[in-house]
Amino acid sequence: AAGDRGIASSEQHAGKEWQEQAVTAARLFLRWNDKHFNGLEFTIEQLRTWAYSHGLAMPAEERAWGAATRRLVREGLIQGTGLYLRALSSHLSPKPSYRRAH
């Protein structure tokens, strides 16, 4: 419950406009990933890094990505793989991996 409250708070702080931009960036990332990596699974960290390098502004709080991820899953754009990949941003700790939902 506390995590849900934190995500909701960070989503409000980032704003609807940023959320829309993040979803658009994710759609572009998925096409890029399909083309260049044959739809290989990815972490949100990888999506986030790609999005920033392609013009998405950073949100006021990185936790806004939690809300964006939930939205991408809810809208059927991505799905969890059940596997974990190591993330550079958190000292190689395992993070959930995702793939394009079909």
Protein backbone atom coordinates (compact mmCIF):
# COMPACT_ATOMS: atom_id res chain seq x y z
CA ALA A 1 0.00 0.00 0.00
CA ALA A 2 2.83 2.40 0.82
CA GLY A 3 4.43 1.65 -2.54
CA ASP A 4 1.16 2.40 -4.32
CA ARG A 5 0.90 5.72 -2.51
CA GLY A 6 4.48 6.58 -3.43
CA ILE A 7 3.87 5.78 -7.10
CA ALA A 8 0.66 7.82 -7.12
CA SER A 9 2.47 10.75 -5.51
CA SER A 10 5.35 10.64 -7.98
CA GLU A 11 2.91 10.32 -10.88
CA GLN A 12 1.10 13.46 -9.77
CA HIS A 13 4.39 15.28 -9.31
CA ALA A 14 5.62 14.31 -12.80
CA GLY A 15 2.36 15.43 -14.37
CA LYS A 16 0.08 14.05 -17.05
CA GLU A 17 2.07 15.62 -19.86
CA TRP A 18 5.24 13.78 -18.81
CA GLN A 19 3.29 10.51 -18.51
CA GLU A 20 2.00 10.91 -22.06
CA GLN A 21 5.50 11.67 -23.32
CA ALA A 22 6.89 8.63 -21.48
CA VAL A 23 4.27 6.34 -23.05
CA THR A 24 5.04 7.75 -26.50
CA ALA A 25 8.77 7.22 -25.89
CA ALA A 26 8.07 3.64 -24.76
CA ARG A 27 6.13 2.93 -27.97
CA LEU A 28 9.10 4.18 -29.99
CA PHE A 29 11.51 2.16 -27.86
CA LEU A 30 9.48 -1.01 -28.46
CA ARG A 31 9.66 -0.52 -32.24
CA TRP A 32 13.39 0.19 -32.00
CA ASN A 33 13.92 -2.86 -29.78
CA ASP A 34 11.98 -5.07 -32.23
CA LYS A 35 14.06 -3.81 -35.15
CA HIS A 36 17.51 -3.87 -33.57
CA PHE A 37 17.24 -6.61 -30.95
CA ASN A 38 14.45 -8.80 -32.29
CA GLY A 39 12.22 -7.93 -29.34
CA LEU A 40 14.72 -9.04 -26.68
CA GLU A 41 13.56 -8.57 -23.09
CA PHE A 42 14.59 -5.35 -21.40
CA THR A 43 14.52 -3.59 -18.06
CA ILE A 44 12.74 -0.32 -17.42
CA GLU A 45 16.21 1.09 -16.80
CA GLN A 46 17.12 0.30 -20.41
CA LEU A 47 13.88 1.82 -21.70
CA ARG A 48 14.44 4.89 -19.52
CA THR A 49 18.03 5.39 -20.73
CA TRP A 50 16.93 5.07 -24.36
CA ALA A 51 14.02 7.49 -23.83
CA TYR A 52 16.26 10.13 -22.24
CA SER A 53 18.81 9.81 -25.04
CA HIS A 54 15.98 10.36 -27.54
CA GLY A 55 14.65 13.55 -26.00
CA LEU A 56 12.37 12.59 -23.10
CA ALA A 57 12.89 15.00 -20.21
CA MET A 58 13.64 13.48 -16.85
CA PRO A 59 10.67 13.61 -14.49
CA ALA A 60 10.90 15.51 -11.24
CA GLU A 61 11.26 12.10 -9.57
CA GLU A 62 12.55 8.90 -11.17
CA ARG A 63 9.81 7.05 -9.28
CA ALA A 64 7.41 8.40 -11.91
CA TRP A 65 8.62 5.50 -14.01
CA GLY A 66 6.77 3.16 -11.64
CA ALA A 67 3.47 4.73 -12.64
CA ALA A 68 4.51 4.79 -16.29
CA THR A 69 5.43 1.09 -16.14
CA ARG A 70 2.09 0.19 -14.57
CA ARG A 71 0.32 2.12 -17.30
CA LEU A 72 2.29 0.36 -20.05
CA VAL A 73 1.33 -3.00 -18.57
CA ARG A 74 -2.31 -1.97 -18.03
CA GLU A 75 -2.59 -0.75 -21.63
CA GLY A 76 -1.18 -4.03 -22.90
CA LEU A 77 2.00 -2.59 -24.39
CA ILE A 78 4.45 -4.56 -22.25
CA GLN A 79 4.34 -7.59 -20.01
CA GLY A 80 6.66 -8.98 -17.40
CA THR A 81 8.73 -12.00 -18.37
CA GLY A 82 9.05 -13.41 -14.86
CA LEU A 83 12.82 -13.10 -15.25
CA TYR A 84 15.25 -10.62 -13.78
CA LEU A 85 18.20 -8.78 -15.32
CA ARG A 86 20.95 -6.92 -13.51
CA ALA A 87 20.65 -3.12 -13.52
CA LEU A 88 23.60 -0.76 -13.66
CA SER A 89 21.71 1.97 -11.82
CA SER A 90 21.41 -0.14 -8.68
CA HIS A 91 24.81 -1.80 -8.38
CA LEU A 92 23.81 -4.75 -10.58
CA SER A 93 20.87 -5.73 -8.43
CA PRO A 94 18.25 -7.79 -10.26
CA LYS A 95 15.31 -5.91 -11.80
CA PRO A 96 12.22 -7.36 -13.51
CA SER A 97 12.47 -7.73 -17.25
CA TYR A 98 9.74 -6.96 -19.74
CA ARG A 99 8.91 -7.57 -23.38
CA ARG A 100 6.38 -6.26 -25.85
CA ALA A 101 2.97 -7.72 -25.12
CA HIS A 102 1.39 -9.51 -28.07
